[in-house]
Amino acid sequence: MAGPEDVVLAVNQGRVQALVIEEDFALAGFRCHNCDALGASVEAAEVCPFCGGELRAVPCLGEALVARTLADGGRVEVVPHGNKLHSYRGIAAMLRQTAPTGLRGASPPWPTAPGASQS
């Protein structure tokens, strides 16, 4: 997943296994005073889209995303400015695999691919 909006949503949900961020990533965002959710575009929101709480500006969203990813047990890779990642506004994430039950890393006891045998 790539781009600030998608990555911020995944970080808020605790789904980021690895955050990849350009060393010169510079984007402001917001943090909710009530639920601590992060957001990528402070200009677009007047209240928290999750709980309706009051927002405060976060001048360096990258630092907040790195801190949250590390706190949730994810890893962070800071990379040089490059065309490929820069086309996604300088940030991407690899997500943890989750099962439909919402349990991280859980898998059903049988194959689930189309045509797979369950016997």
PDB file of N, CA and C in Angstrom:
ATOM      1  N   MET A   1       0.848  -1.152   0.000  1.00  0.00           N
ATOM      2  CA  MET A   1       0.000   0.000   0.000  1.00  0.00           C
ATOM      3  C   MET A   1       0.897   1.218   0.000  1.00  0.00           C
ATOM      4  N   ALA A   2       0.485   2.238  -0.722  1.00  0.00           N
ATOM      5  CA  ALA A   2       1.345   3.413  -0.858  1.00  0.00           C
ATOM      6  C   ALA A   2       0.522   4.694  -0.831  1.00  0.00           C
ATOM      7  N   GLY A   3       1.177   5.761  -0.439  1.00  0.00           N
ATOM      8  CA  GLY A   3       0.548   7.070  -0.371  1.00  0.00           C
ATOM      9  C   GLY A   3       0.139   7.398   1.052  1.00  0.00           C
ATOM     10  N   PRO A   4       0.202   8.666   1.409  1.00  0.00           N
ATOM     11  CA  PRO A   4      -0.049   9.073   2.792  1.00  0.00           C
ATOM     12  C   PRO A   4      -1.421   8.679   3.345  1.00  0.00           C
ATOM     13  N   GLU A   5      -2.472   8.859   2.583  1.00  0.00           N
ATOM     14  CA  GLU A   5      -3.805   8.586   3.108  1.00  0.00           C
ATOM     15  C   GLU A   5      -3.978   7.112   3.461  1.00  0.00           C
ATOM     16  N   ASP A   6      -3.594   6.214   2.552  1.00  0.00           N
ATOM     17  CA  ASP A   6      -3.723   4.778   2.806  1.00  0.00           C
ATOM     18  C   ASP A   6      -2.806   4.316   3.935  1.00  0.00           C
ATOM     19  N   VAL A   7      -1.584   4.822   3.960  1.00  0.00           N
ATOM     20  CA  VAL A   7      -0.634   4.423   4.994  1.00  0.00           C
ATOM     21  C   VAL A   7      -1.111   4.906   6.366  1.00  0.00           C
ATOM     22  N   VAL A   8      -1.605   6.112   6.453  1.00  0.00           N
ATOM     23  CA  VAL A   8      -2.097   6.630   7.732  1.00  0.00           C
ATOM     24  C   VAL A   8      -3.264   5.772   8.232  1.00  0.00           C
ATOM     25  N   LEU A   9      -4.165   5.397   7.354  1.00  0.00           N
ATOM     26  CA  LEU A   9      -5.284   4.547   7.761  1.00  0.00           C
ATOM     27  C   LEU A   9      -4.781   3.214   8.312  1.00  0.00           C
ATOM     28  N   ALA A  10      -3.829   2.597   7.630  1.00  0.00           N
ATOM     29  CA  ALA A  10      -3.269   1.322   8.091  1.00  0.00           C
ATOM     30  C   ALA A  10      -2.539   1.479   9.423  1.00  0.00           C
ATOM     31  N   VAL A  11      -1.823   2.579   9.612  1.00  0.00           N
ATOM     32  CA  VAL A  11      -1.137   2.836  10.884  1.00  0.00           C
ATOM     33  C   VAL A  11      -2.168   2.997  11.999  1.00  0.00           C
ATOM     34  N   ASN A  12      -3.241   3.732  11.742  1.00  0.00           N
ATOM     35  CA  ASN A  12      -4.297   3.905  12.743  1.00  0.00           C
ATOM     36  C   ASN A  12      -4.914   2.575  13.144  1.00  0.00           C
ATOM     37  N   GLN A  13      -4.970   1.632  12.220  1.00  0.00           N
ATOM     38  CA  GLN A  13      -5.565   0.322  12.481  1.00  0.00           C
ATOM     39  C   GLN A  13      -4.550  -0.683  13.028  1.00  0.00           C
ATOM     40  N   GLY A  14      -3.283  -0.281  13.157  1.00  0.00           N
ATOM     41  CA  GLY A  14      -2.259  -1.167  13.689  1.00  0.00           C
ATOM     42  C   GLY A  14      -1.888  -2.305  12.747  1.00  0.00           C
ATOM     43  N   ARG A  15      -2.054  -2.102  11.429  1.00  0.00           N
ATOM     44  CA  ARG A  15      -1.812  -3.169  10.454  1.00  0.00           C
ATOM     45  C   ARG A  15      -0.457  -3.095   9.775  1.00  0.00           C
ATOM     46  N   VAL A  16       0.382  -2.114  10.110  1.00  0.00           N
ATOM     47  CA  VAL A  16       1.639  -1.927   9.390  1.00  0.00           C
ATOM     48  C   VAL A  16       2.726  -2.831   9.965  1.00  0.00           C
ATOM     49  N   GLN A  17       3.230  -3.712   9.106  1.00  0.00           N
ATOM     50  CA  GLN A  17       4.360  -4.564   9.469  1.00  0.00           C
ATOM     51  C   GLN A  17       5.662  -3.831   9.202  1.00  0.00           C
ATOM     52  N   ALA A  18       5.719  -3.105   8.068  1.00  0.00           N
ATOM     53  CA  ALA A  18       6.923  -2.349   7.713  1.00  0.00           C
ATOM     54  C   ALA A  18       6.514  -1.042   7.047  1.00  0.00           C
ATOM     55  N   LEU A  19       7.068   0.047   7.548  1.00  0.00           N
ATOM     56  CA  LEU A  19       6.848   1.370   6.983  1.00  0.00           C
ATOM     57  C   LEU A  19       8.096   1.748   6.204  1.00  0.00           C
ATOM     58  N   VAL A  20       7.909   2.180   4.957  1.00  0.00           N
ATOM     59  CA  VAL A  20       9.020   2.639   4.128  1.00  0.00           C
ATOM     60  C   VAL A  20       8.758   4.116   3.856  1.00  0.00           C
ATOM     61  N   ILE A  21       9.733   4.941   4.252  1.00  0.00           N
ATOM     62  CA  ILE A  21       9.536   6.386   4.178  1.00  0.00           C
ATOM     63  C   ILE A  21      10.791   7.049   3.632  1.00  0.00           C
ATOM     64  N   GLU A  22      10.606   8.029   2.753  1.00  0.00           N
ATOM     65  CA  GLU A  22      11.753   8.769   2.224  1.00  0.00           C
ATOM     66  C   GLU A  22      12.362   9.634   3.319  1.00  0.00           C
ATOM     67  N   GLU A  23      13.680   9.774   3.273  1.00  0.00           N
ATOM     68  CA  GLU A  23      14.378  10.557   4.287  1.00  0.00           C
ATOM     69  C   GLU A  23      13.945  12.014   4.301  1.00  0.00           C
ATOM     70  N   ASP A  24      13.445  12.516   3.183  1.00  0.00           N
ATOM     71  CA  ASP A  24      13.009  13.911   3.131  1.00  0.00           C
ATOM     72  C   ASP A  24      11.483  14.048   3.130  1.00  0.00           C
ATOM     73  N   PHE A  25      10.781  13.024   3.623  1.00  0.00           N
ATOM     74  CA  PHE A  25       9.318  13.073   3.700  1.00  0.00           C
ATOM     75  C   PHE A  25       8.914  14.246   4.581  1.00  0.00           C
ATOM     76  N   ALA A  26       8.152  15.146   4.028  1.00  0.00           N
ATOM     77  CA  ALA A  26       7.740  16.338   4.769  1.00  0.00           C
ATOM     78  C   ALA A  26       6.277  16.626   4.472  1.00  0.00           C
ATOM     79  N   LEU A  27       5.421  16.152   5.343  1.00  0.00           N
ATOM     80  CA  LEU A  27       3.994  16.375   5.181  1.00  0.00           C
ATOM     81  C   LEU A  27       3.421  16.644   6.572  1.00  0.00           C
ATOM     82  N   ALA A  28       2.611  17.664   6.660  1.00  0.00           N
ATOM     83  CA  ALA A  28       1.921  17.945   7.912  1.00  0.00           C
ATOM     84  C   ALA A  28       0.636  17.127   7.938  1.00  0.00           C
ATOM     85  N   GLY A  29       0.124  16.896   9.104  1.00  0.00           N
ATOM     86  CA  GLY A  29      -1.116  16.151   9.246  1.00  0.00           C
ATOM     87  C   GLY A  29      -1.844  16.594  10.485  1.00  0.00           C
ATOM     88  N   PHE A  30      -2.665  15.697  11.022  1.00  0.00           N
ATOM     89  CA  PHE A  30      -3.363  16.014  12.262  1.00  0.00           C
ATOM     90  C   PHE A  30      -3.367  14.811  13.187  1.00  0.00           C
ATOM     91  N   ARG A  31      -3.631  15.087  14.446  1.00  0.00           N
ATOM     92  CA  ARG A  31      -3.819  14.044  15.463  1.00  0.00           C
ATOM     93  C   ARG A  31      -5.077  14.430  16.228  1.00  0.00           C
ATOM     94  N   CYS A  32      -5.916  13.452  16.480  1.00  0.00           N
ATOM     95  CA  CYS A  32      -7.136  13.690  17.238  1.00  0.00           C
ATOM     96  C   CYS A  32      -6.802  13.779  18.726  1.00  0.00           C
ATOM     97  N   HIS A  33      -7.301  14.805  19.352  1.00  0.00           N
ATOM     98  CA  HIS A  33      -7.078  15.017  20.783  1.00  0.00           C
ATOM     99  C   HIS A  33      -7.799  13.943  21.608  1.00  0.00           C
ATOM    100  N   ASN A  34      -8.874  13.394  21.077  1.00  0.00           N
ATOM    101  CA  ASN A  34      -9.690  12.426  21.808  1.00  0.00           C
ATOM    102  C   ASN A  34      -9.236  10.976  21.625  1.00  0.00           C
ATOM    103  N   CYS A  35      -9.122  10.511  20.357  1.00  0.00           N
ATOM    104  CA  CYS A  35      -8.827   9.087  20.111  1.00  0.00           C
ATOM    105  C   CYS A  35      -7.402   8.837  19.623  1.00  0.00           C
ATOM    106  N   ASP A  36      -6.624   9.886  19.429  1.00  0.00           N
ATOM    107  CA  ASP A  36      -5.221   9.805  19.021  1.00  0.00           C
ATOM    108  C   ASP A  36      -5.026   9.340  17.577  1.00  0.00           C
ATOM    109  N   ALA A  37      -6.077   9.333  16.777  1.00  0.00           N
ATOM    110  CA  ALA A  37      -5.953   8.963  15.365  1.00  0.00           C
ATOM    111  C   ALA A  37      -5.116  10.008  14.634  1.00  0.00           C
ATOM    112  N   LEU A  38      -4.375   9.542  13.647  1.00  0.00           N
ATOM    113  CA  LEU A  38      -3.593  10.431  12.791  1.00  0.00           C
ATOM    114  C   LEU A  38      -4.334  10.649  11.489  1.00  0.00           C
ATOM    115  N   GLY A  39      -4.057  11.763  10.833  1.00  0.00           N
ATOM    116  CA  GLY A  39      -4.651  12.063   9.537  1.00  0.00           C
ATOM    117  C   GLY A  39      -3.639  12.741   8.644  1.00  0.00           C
ATOM    118  N   ALA A  40      -3.808  12.552   7.331  1.00  0.00           N
ATOM    119  CA  ALA A  40      -2.819  13.043   6.379  1.00  0.00           C
ATOM    120  C   ALA A  40      -3.103  14.433   5.841  1.00  0.00           C
ATOM    121  N   SER A  41      -4.314  14.920   5.965  1.00  0.00           N
ATOM    122  CA  SER A  41      -4.596  16.231   5.379  1.00  0.00           C
ATOM    123  C   SER A  41      -5.390  17.078   6.359  1.00  0.00           C
ATOM    124  N   VAL A  42      -4.669  17.864   7.114  1.00  0.00           N
ATOM    125  CA  VAL A  42      -5.287  18.678   8.148  1.00  0.00           C
ATOM    126  C   VAL A  42      -6.256  19.702   7.565  1.00  0.00           C
ATOM    127  N   GLU A  43      -6.022  20.160   6.344  1.00  0.00           N
ATOM    128  CA  GLU A  43      -6.904  21.160   5.736  1.00  0.00           C
ATOM    129  C   GLU A  43      -8.276  20.594   5.414  1.00  0.00           C
ATOM    130  N   ALA A  44      -8.369  19.296   5.161  1.00  0.00           N
ATOM    131  CA  ALA A  44      -9.611  18.680   4.708  1.00  0.00           C
ATOM    132  C   ALA A  44     -10.549  18.312   5.854  1.00  0.00           C
ATOM    133  N   ALA A  45     -10.077  18.274   7.072  1.00  0.00           N
ATOM    134  CA  ALA A  45     -10.903  17.814   8.184  1.00  0.00           C
ATOM    135  C   ALA A  45     -11.090  18.916   9.225  1.00  0.00           C
ATOM    136  N   GLU A  46     -12.316  19.024   9.719  1.00  0.00           N
ATOM    137  CA  GLU A  46     -12.596  19.973  10.789  1.00  0.00           C
ATOM    138  C   GLU A  46     -12.694  19.259  12.123  1.00  0.00           C
ATOM    139  N   VAL A  47     -13.174  18.021  12.092  1.00  0.00           N
ATOM    140  CA  VAL A  47     -13.248  17.176  13.277  1.00  0.00           C
ATOM    141  C   VAL A  47     -12.710  15.807  12.901  1.00  0.00           C
ATOM    142  N   CYS A  48     -12.374  15.010  13.886  1.00  0.00           N
ATOM    143  CA  CYS A  48     -11.836  13.676  13.637  1.00  0.00           C
ATOM    144  C   CYS A  48     -12.858  12.833  12.876  1.00  0.00           C
ATOM    145  N   PRO A  49     -12.444  12.217  11.772  1.00  0.00           N
ATOM    146  CA  PRO A  49     -13.373  11.393  11.005  1.00  0.00           C
ATOM    147  C   PRO A  49     -13.740  10.090  11.727  1.00  0.00           C
ATOM    148  N   PHE A  50     -13.030   9.738  12.790  1.00  0.00           N
ATOM    149  CA  PHE A  50     -13.293   8.497  13.510  1.00  0.00           C
ATOM    150  C   PHE A  50     -14.208   8.702  14.711  1.00  0.00           C
ATOM    151  N   CYS A  51     -13.956   9.777  15.488  1.00  0.00           N
ATOM    152  CA  CYS A  51     -14.728   9.957  16.727  1.00  0.00           C
ATOM    153  C   CYS A  51     -15.388  11.326  16.846  1.00  0.00           C
ATOM    154  N   GLY A  52     -15.113  12.227  15.902  1.00  0.00           N
ATOM    155  CA  GLY A  52     -15.683  13.566  15.973  1.00  0.00           C
ATOM    156  C   GLY A  52     -14.950  14.490  16.925  1.00  0.00           C
ATOM    157  N   GLY A  53     -13.798  14.038  17.419  1.00  0.00           N
ATOM    158  CA  GLY A  53     -13.025  14.824  18.372  1.00  0.00           C
ATOM    159  C   GLY A  53     -12.297  15.994  17.744  1.00  0.00           C
ATOM    160  N   GLU A  54     -11.715  16.798  18.598  1.00  0.00           N
ATOM    161  CA  GLU A  54     -10.962  17.987  18.191  1.00  0.00           C
ATOM    162  C   GLU A  54      -9.610  17.578  17.611  1.00  0.00           C
ATOM    163  N   LEU A  55      -9.222  18.245  16.547  1.00  0.00           N
ATOM    164  CA  LEU A  55      -7.954  17.945  15.876  1.00  0.00           C
ATOM    165  C   LEU A  55      -6.905  18.980  16.229  1.00  0.00           C
ATOM    166  N   ARG A  56      -5.658  18.527  16.255  1.00  0.00           N
ATOM    167  CA  ARG A  56      -4.536  19.461  16.382  1.00  0.00           C
ATOM    168  C   ARG A  56      -3.523  19.108  15.304  1.00  0.00           C
ATOM    169  N   ALA A  57      -2.876  20.130  14.795  1.00  0.00           N
ATOM    170  CA  ALA A  57      -1.923  19.939  13.700  1.00  0.00           C
ATOM    171  C   ALA A  57      -0.693  19.180  14.176  1.00  0.00           C
ATOM    172  N   VAL A  58      -0.166  18.344  13.290  1.00  0.00           N
ATOM    173  CA  VAL A  58       1.096  17.638  13.506  1.00  0.00           C
ATOM    174  C   VAL A  58       2.017  18.112  12.383  1.00  0.00           C
ATOM    175  N   PRO A  59       3.001  18.973  12.708  1.00  0.00           N
ATOM    176  CA  PRO A  59       3.835  19.552  11.654  1.00  0.00           C
ATOM    177  C   PRO A  59       4.668  18.525  10.892  1.00  0.00           C
ATOM    178  N   CYS A  60       5.050  17.424  11.545  1.00  0.00           N
ATOM    179  CA  CYS A  60       5.857  16.400  10.880  1.00  0.00           C
ATOM    180  C   CYS A  60       5.148  15.053  11.018  1.00  0.00           C
ATOM    181  N   LEU A  61       4.255  14.781  10.089  1.00  0.00           N
ATOM    182  CA  LEU A  61       3.481  13.550  10.118  1.00  0.00           C
ATOM    183  C   LEU A  61       4.375  12.317  10.051  1.00  0.00           C
ATOM    184  N   GLY A  62       5.480  12.392   9.324  1.00  0.00           N
ATOM    185  CA  GLY A  62       6.392  11.260   9.206  1.00  0.00           C
ATOM    186  C   GLY A  62       6.890  10.776  10.552  1.00  0.00           C
ATOM    187  N   GLU A  63       7.268  11.690  11.432  1.00  0.00           N
ATOM    188  CA  GLU A  63       7.742  11.310  12.760  1.00  0.00           C
ATOM    189  C   GLU A  63       6.653  10.597  13.550  1.00  0.00           C
ATOM    190  N   ALA A  64       5.417  11.089  13.449  1.00  0.00           N
ATOM    191  CA  ALA A  64       4.300  10.465  14.159  1.00  0.00           C
ATOM    192  C   ALA A  64       4.024   9.062  13.619  1.00  0.00           C
ATOM    193  N   LEU A  65       4.119   8.885  12.299  1.00  0.00           N
ATOM    194  CA  LEU A  65       3.893   7.574  11.696  1.00  0.00           C
ATOM    195  C   LEU A  65       4.990   6.587  12.085  1.00  0.00           C
ATOM    196  N   VAL A  66       6.226   7.050  12.106  1.00  0.00           N
ATOM    197  CA  VAL A  66       7.345   6.200  12.510  1.00  0.00           C
ATOM    198  C   VAL A  66       7.158   5.769  13.968  1.00  0.00           C
ATOM    199  N   ALA A  67       6.846   6.703  14.841  1.00  0.00           N
ATOM    200  CA  ALA A  67       6.675   6.393  16.261  1.00  0.00           C
ATOM    201  C   ALA A  67       5.540   5.392  16.474  1.00  0.00           C
ATOM    202  N   ARG A  68       4.421   5.591  15.802  1.00  0.00           N
ATOM    203  CA  ARG A  68       3.269   4.692  15.967  1.00  0.00           C
ATOM    204  C   ARG A  68       3.583   3.305  15.424  1.00  0.00           C
ATOM    205  N   THR A  69       4.269   3.239  14.285  1.00  0.00           N
ATOM    206  CA  THR A  69       4.632   1.941  13.698  1.00  0.00           C
ATOM    207  C   THR A  69       5.536   1.168  14.643  1.00  0.00           C
ATOM    208  N   LEU A  70       6.547   1.823  15.190  1.00  0.00           N
ATOM    209  CA  LEU A  70       7.459   1.162  16.121  1.00  0.00           C
ATOM    210  C   LEU A  70       6.733   0.732  17.399  1.00  0.00           C
ATOM    211  N   ALA A  71       5.846   1.571  17.901  1.00  0.00           N
ATOM    212  CA  ALA A  71       5.096   1.236  19.111  1.00  0.00           C
ATOM    213  C   ALA A  71       4.195   0.023  18.900  1.00  0.00           C
ATOM    214  N   ASP A  72       3.724  -0.167  17.669  1.00  0.00           N
ATOM    215  CA  ASP A  72       2.861  -1.310  17.346  1.00  0.00           C
ATOM    216  C   ASP A  72       3.655  -2.547  16.949  1.00  0.00           C
ATOM    217  N   GLY A  73       4.991  -2.492  17.082  1.00  0.00           N
ATOM    218  CA  GLY A  73       5.820  -3.653  16.784  1.00  0.00           C
ATOM    219  C   GLY A  73       6.227  -3.788  15.332  1.00  0.00           C
ATOM    220  N   GLY A  74       5.988  -2.761  14.538  1.00  0.00           N
ATOM    221  CA  GLY A  74       6.411  -2.779  13.140  1.00  0.00           C
ATOM    222  C   GLY A  74       7.846  -2.308  13.001  1.00  0.00           C
ATOM    223  N   ARG A  75       8.363  -2.412  11.792  1.00  0.00           N
ATOM    224  CA  ARG A  75       9.720  -1.911  11.548  1.00  0.00           C
ATOM    225  C   ARG A  75       9.641  -0.764  10.555  1.00  0.00           C
ATOM    226  N   VAL A  76      10.695   0.032  10.534  1.00  0.00           N
ATOM    227  CA  VAL A  76      10.734   1.231   9.691  1.00  0.00           C
ATOM    228  C   VAL A  76      11.997   1.209   8.859  1.00  0.00           C
ATOM    229  N   GLU A  77      11.849   1.525   7.586  1.00  0.00           N
ATOM    230  CA  GLU A  77      12.998   1.667   6.695  1.00  0.00           C
ATOM    231  C   GLU A  77      12.965   3.066   6.102  1.00  0.00           C
ATOM    232  N   VAL A  78      14.005   3.834   6.385  1.00  0.00           N
ATOM    233  CA  VAL A  78      14.147   5.168   5.825  1.00  0.00           C
ATOM    234  C   VAL A  78      15.030   5.031   4.592  1.00  0.00           C
ATOM    235  N   VAL A  79      14.515   5.504   3.460  1.00  0.00           N
ATOM    236  CA  VAL A  79      15.216   5.340   2.191  1.00  0.00           C
ATOM    237  C   VAL A  79      15.527   6.706   1.584  1.00  0.00           C
ATOM    238  N   PRO A  80      16.545   6.768   0.707  1.00  0.00           N
ATOM    239  CA  PRO A  80      16.837   8.026   0.020  1.00  0.00           C
ATOM    240  C   PRO A  80      15.683   8.414  -0.907  1.00  0.00           C
ATOM    241  N   HIS A  81      15.609   9.687  -1.195  1.00  0.00           N
ATOM    242  CA  HIS A  81      14.619  10.198  -2.141  1.00  0.00           C
ATOM    243  C   HIS A  81      14.791   9.454  -3.468  1.00  0.00           C
ATOM    244  N   GLY A  82      13.714   8.894  -3.986  1.00  0.00           N
ATOM    245  CA  GLY A  82      13.792   8.159  -5.247  1.00  0.00           C
ATOM    246  C   GLY A  82      12.500   8.279  -6.024  1.00  0.00           C
ATOM    247  N   ASN A  83      12.621   8.160  -7.329  1.00  0.00           N
ATOM    248  CA  ASN A  83      11.458   8.362  -8.193  1.00  0.00           C
ATOM    249  C   ASN A  83      10.310   7.408  -7.916  1.00  0.00           C
ATOM    250  N   LYS A  84      10.611   6.135  -7.681  1.00  0.00           N
ATOM    251  CA  LYS A  84       9.538   5.157  -7.509  1.00  0.00           C
ATOM    252  C   LYS A  84       8.683   5.470  -6.280  1.00  0.00           C
ATOM    253  N   LEU A  85       9.290   5.597  -5.108  1.00  0.00           N
ATOM    254  CA  LEU A  85       8.531   5.900  -3.898  1.00  0.00           C
ATOM    255  C   LEU A  85       7.997   7.331  -3.925  1.00  0.00           C
ATOM    256  N   HIS A  86       8.753   8.228  -4.514  1.00  0.00           N
ATOM    257  CA  HIS A  86       8.322   9.626  -4.561  1.00  0.00           C
ATOM    258  C   HIS A  86       7.028   9.787  -5.356  1.00  0.00           C
ATOM    259  N   SER A  87       6.804   8.907  -6.321  1.00  0.00           N
ATOM    260  CA  SER A  87       5.563   8.993  -7.091  1.00  0.00           C
ATOM    261  C   SER A  87       4.349   8.666  -6.211  1.00  0.00           C
ATOM    262  N   TYR A  88       4.592   8.055  -5.053  1.00  0.00           N
ATOM    263  CA  TYR A  88       3.532   7.783  -4.075  1.00  0.00           C
ATOM    264  C   TYR A  88       3.606   8.752  -2.903  1.00  0.00           C
ATOM    265  N   ARG A  89       4.192   9.898  -3.138  1.00  0.00           N
ATOM    266  CA  ARG A  89       4.327  10.980  -2.161  1.00  0.00           C
ATOM    267  C   ARG A  89       5.225  10.609  -0.989  1.00  0.00           C
ATOM    268  N   GLY A  90       6.168   9.671  -1.253  1.00  0.00           N
ATOM    269  CA  GLY A  90       7.257   9.425  -0.316  1.00  0.00           C
ATOM    270  C   GLY A  90       7.018   8.432   0.796  1.00  0.00           C
ATOM    271  N   ILE A  91       5.920   7.678   0.738  1.00  0.00           N
ATOM    272  CA  ILE A  91       5.647   6.755   1.844  1.00  0.00           C
ATOM    273  C   ILE A  91       4.857   5.543   1.357  1.00  0.00           C
ATOM    274  N   ALA A  92       5.187   4.390   1.940  1.00  0.00           N
ATOM    275  CA  ALA A  92       4.485   3.149   1.623  1.00  0.00           C
ATOM    276  C   ALA A  92       4.543   2.237   2.838  1.00  0.00           C
ATOM    277  N   ALA A  93       3.752   1.190   2.817  1.00  0.00           N
ATOM    278  CA  ALA A  93       3.741   0.248   3.935  1.00  0.00           C
ATOM    279  C   ALA A  93       3.445  -1.156   3.441  1.00  0.00           C
ATOM    280  N   MET A  94       4.061  -2.109   4.114  1.00  0.00           N
ATOM    281  CA  MET A  94       3.712  -3.516   3.933  1.00  0.00           C
ATOM    282  C   MET A  94       2.877  -3.882   5.152  1.00  0.00           C
ATOM    283  N   LEU A  95       1.761  -4.545   4.891  1.00  0.00           N
ATOM    284  CA  LEU A  95       0.816  -4.819   5.965  1.00  0.00           C
ATOM    285  C   LEU A  95       0.972  -6.208   6.539  1.00  0.00           C
ATOM    286  N   ARG A  96       0.545  -6.341   7.776  1.00  0.00           N
ATOM    287  CA  ARG A  96       0.484  -7.653   8.407  1.00  0.00           C
ATOM    288  C   ARG A  96      -0.632  -8.438   7.739  1.00  0.00           C
ATOM    289  N   GLN A  97      -0.448  -9.728   7.651  1.00  0.00           N
ATOM    290  CA  GLN A  97      -1.492 -10.571   7.102  1.00  0.00           C
ATOM    291  C   GLN A  97      -2.520 -10.812   8.196  1.00  0.00           C
ATOM    292  N   THR A  98      -3.774 -10.593   7.868  1.00  0.00           N
ATOM    293  CA  THR A  98      -4.822 -10.823   8.847  1.00  0.00           C
ATOM    294  C   THR A  98      -5.855 -11.776   8.279  1.00  0.00           C
ATOM    295  N   ALA A  99      -6.485 -12.500   9.140  1.00  0.00           N
ATOM    296  CA  ALA A  99      -7.538 -13.434   8.750  1.00  0.00           C
ATOM    297  C   ALA A  99      -8.876 -12.706   8.786  1.00  0.00           C
ATOM    298  N   PRO A 100      -9.913 -13.262   8.170  1.00  0.00           N
ATOM    299  CA  PRO A 100     -11.229 -12.641   8.217  1.00  0.00           C
ATOM    300  C   PRO A 100     -11.734 -12.423   9.644  1.00  0.00           C
ATOM    301  N   THR A 101     -11.212 -13.174  10.595  1.00  0.00           N
ATOM    302  CA  THR A 101     -11.626 -13.019  11.991  1.00  0.00           C
ATOM    303  C   THR A 101     -11.033 -11.772  12.617  1.00  0.00           C
ATOM    304  N   GLY A 102     -10.045 -11.159  11.959  1.00  0.00           N
ATOM    305  CA  GLY A 102      -9.392  -9.977  12.501  1.00  0.00           C
ATOM    306  C   GLY A 102      -8.209 -10.315  13.382  1.00  0.00           C
ATOM    307  N   LEU A 103      -7.922 -11.598  13.574  1.00  0.00           N
ATOM    308  CA  LEU A 103      -6.780 -11.981  14.393  1.00  0.00           C
ATOM    309  C   LEU A 103      -5.529 -11.931  13.548  1.00  0.00           C
ATOM    310  N   ARG A 104      -4.547 -11.180  13.968  1.00  0.00           N
ATOM    311  CA  ARG A 104      -3.318 -11.032  13.198  1.00  0.00           C
ATOM    312  C   ARG A 104      -2.607 -12.363  13.052  1.00  0.00           C
ATOM    313  N   GLY A 105      -2.289 -12.692  11.800  1.00  0.00           N
ATOM    314  CA  GLY A 105      -1.507 -13.881  11.525  1.00  0.00           C
ATOM    315  C   GLY A 105      -2.293 -15.176  11.586  1.00  0.00           C
ATOM    316  N   ALA A 106      -3.578 -15.129  11.913  1.00  0.00           N
ATOM    317  CA  ALA A 106      -4.369 -16.350  11.982  1.00  0.00           C
ATOM    318  C   ALA A 106      -4.705 -16.828  10.582  1.00  0.00           C
ATOM    319  N   SER A 107      -4.733 -18.120  10.406  1.00  0.00           N
ATOM    320  CA  SER A 107      -5.063 -18.710   9.115  1.00  0.00           C
ATOM    321  C   SER A 107      -6.081 -19.813   9.332  1.00  0.00           C
ATOM    322  N   PRO A 108      -6.953 -20.039   8.353  1.00  0.00           N
ATOM    323  CA  PRO A 108      -7.890 -21.144   8.490  1.00  0.00           C
ATOM    324  C   PRO A 108      -7.130 -22.468   8.440  1.00  0.00           C
ATOM    325  N   PRO A 109      -7.671 -23.539   9.014  1.00  0.00           N
ATOM    326  CA  PRO A 109      -6.973 -24.810   9.066  1.00  0.00           C
ATOM    327  C   PRO A 109      -6.968 -25.569   7.748  1.00  0.00           C
ATOM    328  N   TRP A 110      -7.564 -25.042   6.695  1.00  0.00           N
ATOM    329  CA  TRP A 110      -7.597 -25.706   5.402  1.00  0.00           C
ATOM    330  C   TRP A 110      -7.233 -24.729   4.298  1.00  0.00           C
ATOM    331  N   PRO A 111      -6.870 -25.228   3.120  1.00  0.00           N
ATOM    332  CA  PRO A 111      -6.542 -24.342   1.995  1.00  0.00           C
ATOM    333  C   PRO A 111      -7.777 -23.567   1.556  1.00  0.00           C
ATOM    334  N   THR A 112      -7.581 -22.292   1.220  1.00  0.00           N
ATOM    335  CA  THR A 112      -8.710 -21.470   0.830  1.00  0.00           C
ATOM    336  C   THR A 112      -8.620 -20.973  -0.600  1.00  0.00           C
ATOM    337  N   ALA A 113      -7.615 -21.371  -1.331  1.00  0.00           N
ATOM    338  CA  ALA A 113      -7.486 -20.942  -2.723  1.00  0.00           C
ATOM    339  C   ALA A 113      -8.594 -21.587  -3.547  1.00  0.00           C
ATOM    340  N   PRO A 114      -9.042 -20.904  -4.625  1.00  0.00           N
ATOM    341  CA  PRO A 114     -10.073 -21.492  -5.480  1.00  0.00           C
ATOM    342  C   PRO A 114      -9.638 -22.873  -5.956  1.00  0.00           C
ATOM    343  N   GLY A 115     -10.513 -23.847  -5.798  1.00  0.00           N
ATOM    344  CA  GLY A 115     -10.223 -25.197  -6.255  1.00  0.00           C
ATOM    345  C   GLY A 115      -9.425 -26.028  -5.261  1.00  0.00           C
ATOM    346  N   ALA A 116      -9.047 -25.441  -4.119  1.00  0.00           N
ATOM    347  CA  ALA A 116      -8.265 -26.192  -3.131  1.00  0.00           C
ATOM    348  C   ALA A 116      -9.161 -27.175  -2.409  1.00  0.00           C
ATOM    349  N   SER A 117      -8.612 -28.315  -2.104  1.00  0.00           N
ATOM    350  CA  SER A 117      -9.344 -29.357  -1.409  1.00  0.00           C
ATOM    351  C   SER A 117      -9.373 -29.050   0.080  1.00  0.00           C
ATOM    352  N   GLN A 118     -10.529 -29.297   0.707  1.00  0.00           N
ATOM    353  CA  GLN A 118     -10.645 -29.101   2.156  1.00  0.00           C
ATOM    354  C   GLN A 118     -10.678 -30.430   2.884  1.00  0.00           C
ATOM    355  N   SER A 119     -10.270 -31.517   2.221  1.00  0.00           N
ATOM    356  CA  SER A 119     -10.276 -32.836   2.868  1.00  0.00           C
ATOM    357  C   SER A 119      -8.937 -33.246   3.358  1.00  0.00           C
TER     358      SER A 119
END
